[in-house]
Protein backbone atom coordinates (compact mmCIF):
# COMPACT_ATOMS: atom_id res chain seq x y z
CA MET A 1 21.20 3.98 -12.22
CA THR A 2 19.40 0.54 -13.60
CA THR A 3 18.64 0.68 -16.99
CA VAL A 4 15.01 -0.70 -17.79
CA HIS A 5 14.55 -2.34 -21.36
CA GLU A 6 11.08 -2.03 -22.62
CA PRO A 7 10.19 -5.36 -22.91
CA THR A 8 8.48 -6.13 -26.29
CA ALA A 9 4.53 -6.74 -27.39
CA THR A 10 5.11 -10.00 -27.80
CA SER A 11 7.03 -10.68 -25.09
CA ARG A 12 4.38 -9.06 -22.91
CA PHE A 13 2.22 -11.78 -23.82
CA THR A 14 4.17 -14.62 -22.19
CA ASP A 15 5.93 -12.22 -19.20
CA LEU A 16 4.48 -13.50 -16.13
CA SER A 17 7.37 -11.09 -14.19
CA VAL A 18 4.73 -9.36 -12.50
CA TRP A 19 2.43 -11.80 -11.81
CA PRO A 20 2.02 -13.98 -8.58
CA ALA A 21 4.88 -16.61 -7.95
CA SER A 22 1.98 -19.30 -8.38
CA THR A 23 0.61 -18.02 -11.91
CA THR A 24 0.98 -20.59 -14.52
CA GLU A 25 -0.44 -20.05 -17.96
CA SER A 26 -1.53 -23.13 -20.67
CA ALA A 27 -0.93 -23.60 -24.29
CA HIS A 28 -4.36 -22.35 -24.44
CA GLY A 29 -4.23 -18.99 -22.81
CA HIS A 30 -5.56 -20.30 -19.58
CA LEU A 31 -3.98 -18.32 -16.55
CA THR A 32 -3.74 -20.54 -13.09
CA VAL A 33 -3.01 -18.26 -9.75
CA GLY A 34 -2.98 -20.16 -6.74
CA GLY A 35 -3.65 -23.22 -8.48
CA VAL A 36 -6.99 -22.12 -9.54
CA PRO A 37 -8.01 -20.53 -13.22
CA LEU A 38 -9.09 -17.35 -13.38
CA ALA A 39 -11.75 -18.19 -16.21
CA GLU A 40 -13.35 -20.29 -13.05
CA LEU A 41 -12.65 -17.91 -10.50
CA ALA A 42 -14.72 -15.29 -13.02
CA ASP A 43 -17.48 -17.53 -13.59
CA ARG A 44 -17.73 -18.62 -9.77
CA PHE A 45 -17.49 -14.70 -8.41
CA GLY A 46 -18.68 -12.56 -11.55
CA THR A 47 -16.67 -9.63 -12.47
CA PRO A 48 -14.98 -7.12 -11.88
CA VAL A 49 -13.70 -9.54 -9.16
CA TYR A 50 -10.05 -9.30 -7.37
CA VAL A 51 -8.29 -12.10 -6.69
CA LEU A 52 -5.44 -12.62 -3.89
CA ASP A 53 -2.88 -15.02 -3.74
CA GLU A 54 -2.70 -16.03 0.09
CA ALA A 55 0.93 -17.51 -0.35
CA GLU A 56 2.04 -14.70 -2.03
CA VAL A 57 0.91 -12.26 0.74
CA ARG A 58 2.93 -14.70 3.20
CA ASP A 59 5.95 -15.33 1.05
CA ARG A 60 6.22 -11.39 0.86
CA CYS A 61 5.67 -10.66 4.84
CA ARG A 62 8.14 -13.44 5.56
CA THR A 63 10.69 -12.11 2.87
CA TYR A 64 10.60 -9.01 4.90
CA ARG A 65 10.89 -10.52 7.85
CA ASP A 66 14.16 -12.35 7.00
CA ALA A 67 15.54 -9.21 5.21
CA PHE A 68 15.24 -7.12 8.64
CA PRO A 69 15.32 -9.78 11.62
CA ASP A 70 16.16 -7.51 13.75
CA ALA A 71 13.23 -4.73 12.95
CA GLU A 72 9.81 -4.16 13.52
CA VAL A 73 7.89 -4.68 10.45
CA LEU A 74 4.54 -3.08 10.33
CA TYR A 75 1.89 -3.93 7.74
CA ALA A 76 0.49 -0.86 6.08
CA ALA A 77 -3.39 -1.30 5.72
CA LYS A 78 -4.60 1.65 4.03
CA ALA A 79 -3.00 -0.71 1.21
CA PHE A 80 -5.70 -3.02 1.75
CA LEU A 81 -7.22 -4.65 4.62
CA CYS A 82 -9.78 -7.51 5.72
CA ARG A 83 -10.22 -9.67 8.05
CA ALA A 84 -8.58 -12.05 6.40
CA MET A 85 -5.03 -9.49 5.58
CA ALA A 86 -5.40 -8.87 9.76
CA HIS A 87 -5.24 -12.48 10.44
CA TRP A 88 -2.47 -13.51 7.95
CA MET A 89 -0.01 -10.14 9.21
CA ASP A 90 -0.70 -11.74 12.81
CA GLU A 91 0.42 -15.12 11.71
CA GLU A 92 3.33 -14.05 9.89
CA GLY A 93 4.42 -12.14 13.21
CA LEU A 94 4.14 -8.71 11.40
CA GLY A 95 2.39 -5.32 12.94
CA LEU A 96 -0.09 -3.20 11.77
CA ASP A 97 -0.10 0.58 10.74
CA VAL A 98 -3.39 1.81 10.81
CA CYS A 99 -4.84 5.32 9.98
CA SER A 100 -8.61 5.47 11.36
CA ALA A 101 -10.99 4.05 13.99
CA GLY A 102 -12.24 1.98 11.58
CA GLU A 103 -8.93 0.61 10.38
CA LEU A 104 -8.12 0.07 13.95
CA GLU A 105 -11.97 -1.72 14.84
CA LEU A 106 -11.81 -4.41 12.09
CA ALA A 107 -8.28 -5.45 13.03
CA VAL A 108 -8.67 -5.66 16.77
CA ALA A 109 -12.22 -7.01 15.90
CA THR A 110 -10.42 -9.86 14.08
CA GLY A 111 -7.98 -10.61 17.15
CA PHE A 112 -4.85 -8.47 16.30
CA PRO A 113 -3.25 -7.64 19.11
CA SER A 114 -3.80 -3.89 19.74
CA GLU A 115 0.11 -3.60 21.13
CA ARG A 116 1.30 -4.60 17.67
CA ILE A 117 -0.73 -1.68 15.97
CA VAL A 118 0.53 1.80 15.25
CA LEU A 119 -1.97 4.64 14.94
CA HIS A 120 -1.07 6.99 12.13
CA GLY A 121 -2.91 10.24 10.19
CA ASN A 122 -2.39 13.95 9.57
CA ALA A 123 -5.43 14.61 11.05
CA LYS A 124 -7.11 12.11 13.49
CA SER A 125 -10.53 12.52 14.64
CA PRO A 126 -11.61 12.57 18.33
CA ARG A 127 -12.92 9.45 17.51
CA ASP A 128 -9.69 8.03 16.30
CA LEU A 129 -7.69 8.95 19.04
CA ASP A 130 -10.23 7.69 21.49
CA THR A 131 -10.82 4.33 20.04
CA ALA A 132 -6.82 4.06 19.86
CA LEU A 133 -6.64 4.53 23.87
CA ARG A 134 -9.71 2.50 24.46
CA LEU A 135 -8.18 -0.34 22.69
CA GLY A 136 -4.77 0.25 23.89
CA VAL A 137 -2.50 0.50 20.56
CA GLY A 138 1.13 0.03 20.93
CA ARG A 139 1.85 3.77 19.25
CA ILE A 140 0.44 7.25 18.29
CA VAL A 141 2.48 9.13 15.63
CA ILE A 142 1.70 12.32 16.41
CA ASP A 143 1.51 14.46 13.03
CA SER A 144 0.71 18.24 14.51
CA PRO A 145 1.19 20.34 17.53
CA SER A 146 -2.34 20.37 18.03
CA GLU A 147 -2.68 16.63 18.98
CA ILE A 148 -0.40 16.70 21.67
CA ALA A 149 -2.55 18.51 23.84
CA ARG A 150 -5.77 16.48 22.76
CA LEU A 151 -3.75 13.60 23.28
CA ALA A 152 -2.50 14.34 26.84
CA ALA A 153 -6.15 15.27 28.03
CA ALA A 154 -7.30 12.07 26.15
CA VAL A 155 -4.75 9.90 28.46
CA GLY A 156 -5.34 11.97 31.50
CA PRO A 157 -3.03 12.31 34.26
CA ASP A 158 -2.68 8.87 35.42
CA GLY A 159 -2.56 7.37 32.06
CA HIS A 160 0.07 6.70 30.17
CA GLN A 161 0.42 6.16 26.16
CA LYS A 162 3.73 5.61 23.91
CA VAL A 163 3.80 8.01 21.18
CA MET A 164 6.34 8.86 18.31
CA VAL A 165 6.87 12.25 15.76
CA ARG A 166 6.60 12.36 12.38
CA VAL A 167 9.49 14.47 11.23
CA VAL A 168 9.82 16.16 7.75
CA PRO A 169 13.39 15.21 6.59
CA GLY A 170 13.26 17.73 3.16
CA ILE A 171 13.65 14.88 0.75
CA SER A 172 12.00 14.70 -2.13
CA ALA A 173 11.41 10.62 -3.32
CA GLY A 174 8.35 8.90 -5.17
CA GLY A 175 6.75 7.69 -8.30
CA HIS A 176 4.29 10.84 -8.53
CA GLU A 177 4.12 14.48 -7.40
CA LYS A 178 0.96 13.36 -5.54
CA ILE A 179 2.48 10.34 -3.61
CA ARG A 180 5.78 11.88 -2.24
CA THR A 181 5.65 12.94 1.61
CA GLY A 182 8.74 14.17 2.90
CA THR A 183 8.87 17.45 1.10
CA ASP A 184 8.42 20.65 3.55
CA ASP A 185 5.40 21.57 0.69
CA GLN A 186 2.77 18.84 1.96
CA LYS A 187 0.10 18.09 4.88
CA PHE A 188 2.10 15.38 7.07
CA GLY A 189 4.49 15.62 9.83
CA LEU A 190 6.47 18.45 11.33
CA SER A 191 9.47 19.98 9.36
CA ILE A 192 12.98 19.73 10.87
CA SER A 193 14.71 22.87 8.76
CA ASP A 194 12.11 25.25 10.59
CA GLY A 195 12.24 23.85 14.14
CA TYR A 196 8.61 22.63 14.41
CA ALA A 197 9.69 18.99 14.75
CA GLN A 198 12.06 20.02 17.80
CA HIS A 199 9.41 22.43 19.22
CA ALA A 200 6.81 19.69 19.39
CA ILE A 201 9.57 17.45 20.58
CA ALA A 202 10.08 19.54 23.96
CA ARG A 203 6.19 20.11 24.45
CA ILE A 204 5.35 16.40 24.48
CA LEU A 205 8.52 15.74 26.98
CA ASP A 206 6.75 18.49 29.34
CA GLN A 207 3.60 15.65 29.35
CA PRO A 208 4.82 13.24 31.68
CA GLN A 209 1.54 10.88 30.30
CA LEU A 210 3.29 10.38 26.92
CA GLU A 211 6.16 8.27 26.33
CA LEU A 212 8.25 9.62 23.49
CA THR A 213 9.81 6.50 21.96
CA GLY A 214 11.01 7.46 19.07
CA LEU A 215 11.06 9.51 15.56
CA HIS A 216 8.95 8.46 12.34
CA CYS A 217 9.09 9.66 8.93
CA HIS A 218 7.70 8.58 5.57
CA LEU A 219 9.64 9.78 2.24
CA GLY A 220 6.46 8.89 -0.22
CA SER A 221 5.66 5.88 -2.32
CA GLN A 222 6.77 4.15 -5.11
CA ILE A 223 10.76 4.64 -4.48
CA VAL A 224 12.86 2.55 -6.26
CA SER A 225 15.97 3.71 -5.06
CA VAL A 226 18.00 3.06 -1.72
CA LYS A 227 19.65 6.00 -1.66
CA PRO A 228 16.35 8.58 -0.34
CA TYR A 229 16.51 6.02 2.62
CA LEU A 230 20.07 6.75 3.41
CA VAL A 231 19.65 10.35 3.21
CA ALA A 232 16.86 10.05 5.73
CA VAL A 233 18.66 8.08 8.01
CA ARG A 234 21.37 10.45 8.31
CA ARG A 235 18.85 13.46 9.17
CA MET A 236 17.11 11.58 11.36
CA VAL A 237 19.73 10.58 13.41
CA GLY A 238 21.35 14.23 13.03
CA LEU A 239 18.01 15.16 14.85
CA MET A 240 18.40 12.39 17.44
CA ALA A 241 21.85 13.67 18.43
CA ARG A 242 20.55 17.30 18.64
CA LEU A 243 18.06 15.94 20.90
CA HIS A 244 20.02 14.02 23.14
CA GLU A 245 22.42 17.28 23.65
CA GLN A 246 19.44 19.73 24.14
CA HIS A 247 17.37 17.05 26.63
CA GLY A 248 19.35 14.63 27.30
CA LEU A 249 16.73 11.84 25.21
CA ILE A 250 17.96 8.90 23.88
CA LEU A 251 15.22 7.47 21.88
CA PRO A 252 14.93 3.64 21.24
CA GLU A 253 13.38 3.78 18.09
CA LEU A 254 13.64 4.60 14.62
CA ASP A 255 10.62 4.60 11.91
CA LEU A 256 11.71 4.96 8.14
CA GLY A 257 8.09 4.45 7.24
CA GLY A 258 7.52 2.24 3.92
CA GLY A 259 6.84 3.11 0.38
CA HIS A 260 9.29 0.42 -1.15
CA GLY A 261 8.11 0.35 -5.14
CA ILE A 262 7.25 -2.31 -6.85
CA ALA A 263 6.82 -3.07 -10.67
CA TYR A 264 3.67 -2.57 -12.40
CA ARG A 265 4.28 -3.86 -15.70
CA PRO A 266 7.19 -6.25 -17.21
CA GLY A 267 10.44 -4.61 -17.50
CA GLU A 268 9.76 -1.68 -14.64
CA GLU A 269 12.19 -1.57 -11.82
CA ALA A 270 11.49 -2.12 -8.26
CA LEU A 271 13.29 -1.05 -5.02
CA ASP A 272 15.92 -3.94 -3.96
CA LEU A 273 14.96 -5.24 -0.92
CA THR A 274 17.84 -7.27 0.51
CA GLU A 275 19.92 -3.93 -0.73
CA LEU A 276 18.01 -1.90 0.89
CA ALA A 277 17.63 -3.69 4.48
CA ARG A 278 22.02 -3.87 4.18
CA LYS A 279 22.76 -0.36 3.36
CA VAL A 280 20.22 1.11 5.97
CA ARG A 281 21.35 -0.81 8.64
CA ALA A 282 24.99 -0.06 7.73
CA GLU A 283 24.01 3.44 7.63
CA VAL A 284 22.57 3.78 11.05
CA ALA A 285 25.16 1.94 12.64
CA ASP A 286 27.47 4.42 11.12
CA ALA A 287 25.38 7.57 12.00
CA CYS A 288 24.81 6.50 15.45
CA ALA A 289 28.67 5.74 16.07
CA THR A 290 29.60 9.15 14.74
CA ALA A 291 26.96 10.98 17.14
CA GLY A 292 27.65 8.48 19.99
CA LEU A 293 24.51 7.40 20.28
CA PRO A 294 23.32 3.57 20.85
CA VAL A 295 21.64 1.94 17.27
CA PRO A 296 18.03 2.39 17.45
CA ARG A 297 15.59 -0.42 16.72
CA LEU A 298 14.44 -0.08 13.07
CA ILE A 299 10.80 0.08 11.84
CA ILE A 300 9.55 -0.22 8.28
CA GLU A 301 5.95 -0.12 7.19
CA PRO A 302 5.57 -2.14 3.97
CA GLY A 303 2.18 -1.94 2.54
CA ARG A 304 2.08 -1.76 -1.71
CA ALA A 305 5.07 -4.03 -1.76
CA VAL A 306 3.01 -7.01 0.40
CA ALA A 307 -0.05 -6.94 -1.13
CA GLY A 308 0.16 -5.47 -4.40
CA PRO A 309 2.07 -8.06 -6.14
CA ALA A 310 -0.43 -10.47 -4.81
CA GLY A 311 -3.66 -9.32 -6.51
CA VAL A 312 -5.34 -9.87 -9.76
CA ALA A 313 -8.03 -7.75 -11.04
CA LEU A 314 -10.85 -9.60 -13.40
CA TYR A 315 -13.04 -7.74 -16.16
CA ARG A 316 -15.30 -8.25 -18.76
CA VAL A 317 -14.93 -6.87 -22.18
CA LEU A 318 -18.58 -5.25 -22.56
CA SER A 319 -17.52 -3.30 -26.13
CA VAL A 320 -14.40 -2.59 -28.42
CA LYS A 321 -14.69 0.55 -30.23
CA HIS A 322 -12.58 2.18 -33.26
CA THR A 323 -12.46 5.92 -33.27
CA GLY A 324 -10.17 7.30 -35.67
CA ASP A 325 -6.82 5.41 -34.85
CA HIS A 326 -7.68 4.47 -31.58
CA VAL A 327 -9.25 0.98 -30.18
CA PHE A 328 -10.96 1.47 -27.10
CA VAL A 329 -11.63 -1.67 -25.14
CA ALA A 330 -14.61 -1.23 -22.65
CA VAL A 331 -14.56 -3.36 -19.47
CA ASP A 332 -17.24 -3.68 -16.91
CA GLY A 333 -15.12 -1.85 -14.29
CA GLY A 334 -13.16 1.31 -14.26
CA MET A 335 -12.10 4.14 -12.17
CA SER A 336 -14.66 3.09 -9.35
CA ASP A 337 -12.76 -0.14 -8.54
CA ASN A 338 -9.24 1.45 -9.54
CA PRO A 339 -8.82 5.28 -9.48
CA ARG A 340 -5.08 5.40 -9.45
CA PRO A 341 -4.64 5.65 -13.24
CA ALA A 342 -6.67 8.92 -12.79
CA LEU A 343 -5.01 10.14 -10.06
CA TYR A 344 -1.52 9.20 -10.54
CA GLY A 345 -1.51 8.42 -14.63
CA VAL A 346 -0.20 4.47 -13.28
CA ARG A 347 0.08 2.36 -16.38
CA TYR A 348 -1.08 -2.09 -16.07
CA ALA A 349 -0.27 -4.32 -18.98
CA PRO A 350 -3.69 -6.23 -18.98
CA ARG A 351 -4.02 -9.86 -20.63
CA LEU A 352 -6.64 -11.68 -22.21
CA VAL A 353 -6.95 -14.76 -20.52
CA GLY A 354 -9.58 -17.80 -20.96
CA ARG A 355 -8.83 -18.28 -24.40
CA HIS A 356 -6.36 -19.09 -27.03
CA ARG A 357 -4.48 -15.71 -28.49
CA ALA A 358 -4.84 -16.25 -32.04
CA ALA A 359 -4.45 -12.71 -33.76
CA VAL A 360 -1.01 -10.51 -33.38
CA PRO A 361 -1.20 -8.19 -30.56
CA ALA A 362 -2.64 -4.45 -31.36
CA ARG A 363 -1.70 -1.44 -28.99
CA VAL A 364 -5.70 -0.94 -27.49
CA THR A 365 -7.06 1.60 -24.66
CA VAL A 366 -8.44 -0.03 -22.14
CA VAL A 367 -11.31 2.05 -20.60
CA GLY A 368 -14.09 1.63 -17.81
CA ARG A 369 -17.58 1.98 -17.86
CA HIS A 370 -18.24 5.34 -16.15
CA CYS A 371 -19.34 8.49 -17.23
CA GLU A 372 -15.83 10.05 -17.00
CA ALA A 373 -13.03 10.74 -20.03
CA GLY A 374 -10.14 10.31 -17.66
CA ASP A 375 -12.07 7.11 -16.78
CA VAL A 376 -8.61 4.91 -18.15
CA LEU A 377 -7.56 1.78 -16.82
CA ALA A 378 -4.48 0.73 -19.40
CA ALA A 379 -3.54 2.99 -22.19
CA ASP A 380 -1.52 1.83 -24.54
CA ALA A 381 -2.03 -1.64 -23.79
CA ASP A 382 -0.68 -4.75 -26.10
CA LEU A 383 -3.97 -7.04 -26.74
CA PRO A 384 -4.69 -9.29 -29.23
CA ALA A 385 -6.07 -7.64 -32.35
CA ASP A 386 -9.16 -10.11 -32.36
CA ILE A 387 -10.33 -9.00 -28.63
CA ARG A 388 -13.92 -8.68 -28.59
CA PRO A 389 -17.00 -8.45 -25.95
CA GLY A 390 -17.34 -11.18 -23.70
CA ASP A 391 -13.73 -11.87 -23.61
CA LEU A 392 -11.85 -12.03 -19.85
CA LEU A 393 -8.99 -9.43 -18.69
CA ALA A 394 -6.55 -10.00 -16.06
CA VAL A 395 -5.06 -7.09 -14.66
CA PRO A 396 -2.02 -8.14 -12.65
CA VAL A 397 -0.55 -6.08 -9.60
CA ALA A 398 -3.85 -4.97 -8.47
CA GLY A 399 -3.81 -6.10 -4.65
CA ALA A 400 -2.83 -2.79 -2.90
CA TYR A 401 -5.11 0.27 -3.59
CA HIS A 402 -7.65 -0.69 -5.38
CA LEU A 403 -10.19 -1.53 -2.85
CA SER A 404 -9.17 0.46 -0.21
CA MET A 405 -9.58 3.19 -2.58
CA ALA A 406 -12.91 2.14 -3.99
CA SER A 407 -15.76 4.57 -4.41
CA GLY A 408 -19.75 4.33 -5.02
CA TYR A 409 -19.38 6.23 -8.48
CA ASN A 410 -22.24 5.49 -10.69
CA LEU A 411 -23.76 3.13 -8.00
CA VAL A 412 -22.30 0.56 -9.64
CA GLY A 413 -21.23 -1.09 -6.01
CA ARG A 414 -17.88 -2.69 -5.13
CA PRO A 415 -16.31 -5.48 -6.20
CA PRO A 416 -15.54 -8.77 -4.07
CA VAL A 417 -12.15 -10.44 -2.99
CA ALA A 418 -11.51 -14.04 -3.57
CA ALA A 419 -8.21 -15.55 -2.07
CA VAL A 420 -6.92 -18.64 -3.73
CA ARG A 421 -4.32 -20.93 -2.23
CA ASP A 422 -3.08 -24.59 -2.89
CA GLY A 423 -6.21 -25.03 -5.73
CA PHE A 424 -9.00 -23.68 -3.44
CA ALA A 425 -10.59 -20.14 -3.81
CA ARG A 426 -12.96 -18.52 -1.08
CA LEU A 427 -14.75 -15.15 -0.65
CA LEU A 428 -13.23 -12.42 1.58
CA VAL A 429 -15.35 -9.58 0.51
CA ARG A 430 -18.94 -10.23 -0.99
CA ARG A 431 -19.56 -7.64 -4.01
CA GLU A 432 -21.47 -4.69 -2.79
CA SER A 433 -24.94 -5.16 -3.96
CA LEU A 434 -27.63 -2.64 -4.90
CA GLU A 435 -29.32 -3.46 -1.43
CA ASP A 436 -26.30 -2.51 0.09
CA ILE A 437 -26.41 0.77 -1.37
CA ARG A 438 -30.30 1.00 -1.05
CA SER A 439 -30.46 0.47 2.76
CA ARG A 440 -27.91 3.59 3.14
CA ASP A 441 -30.26 5.88 2.05
CA VAL A 442 -32.70 6.66 4.24
CA GLY A 443 -34.43 9.98 3.20
CA LEU A 444 -36.80 10.67 1.09
């Protein structure tokens, strides 16, 4: 097991290990990402604002392509999707994994090739399936027995659709119980242990318009060990061997999902992608050789690991309050633009940017502006003791599951997204305005 050493408060002030590779810091506390000062971005676009380093996103796509040269890499759009993101994925040669008709239509409207899109979801609506068939997605991942008949009927007797089956391999992995999806006690997939997966596969084989191309599994999120993936490979290939014995079926694809863990704070562990690729390829080859099966093409679905480290969230400090032994630093955002600390207890490492840090560090709690005691963005954060209203705080690793999970709580409006690259910044997603909110309210 890797030993993780907790950095000191002082080292956190200078440690840029979880920031985009383009990040630089001046002696006066000015932080620059993609060649653009963060203070300048805050002045130009207002706060809160998400900043996305385009070069970092593209570099991470290429890292995956290099690590898995023979695999199909699908970006998990649920992490963060906009038209620019879909365009970058297309240019970098990744496919897309979408979970709804909305994500699918946005991607295709951008010009993303529909045959390189896979539709997931544990409860696909009629609109989801109809849109997938109308736009011609590459594969649909069947997650429940009821989807088989619905999909076959929607395809029609003369139609054709490639499908996969999401299998539950019975593996507990992930950074929090709410993001562990490889066990039998959660809502996703069909279990191997109780035979539901095998039964569903037999039903699919009875539908000539559905072509079963492979098996799919997803173990969870924020996995930092390679071992669970190797166990999954053995169990999935074992199922493929049984299907070959029972049905003479040879499946050409094996999808191991994503869930690749990243570091949110300096000193935290992340999944070693090079080790993952090497060991997974070897495990698949060995397991297939033992079972007498040809090696299937691997599919992987990174989302957070592509988008997360490329993003930075900027906030203005609104107030600093001393209550007993606690110091609460309140900012102009909160759980409406980042619900993850409230949902999963995620911890971030915010930094003061835009001015020189003259004071020693102090332990504070960065809280949001919403009417909830759980509206905490960063507990036990180390910030200068002279933090004051008007200061600018930057939170790294904010590119995944921030805007995609943002809500309309307190009607504050969702933040904009600005992209930076080579010293230039441009708006990708504009701020949600009061007029946007008001226009949806059509009753009286």
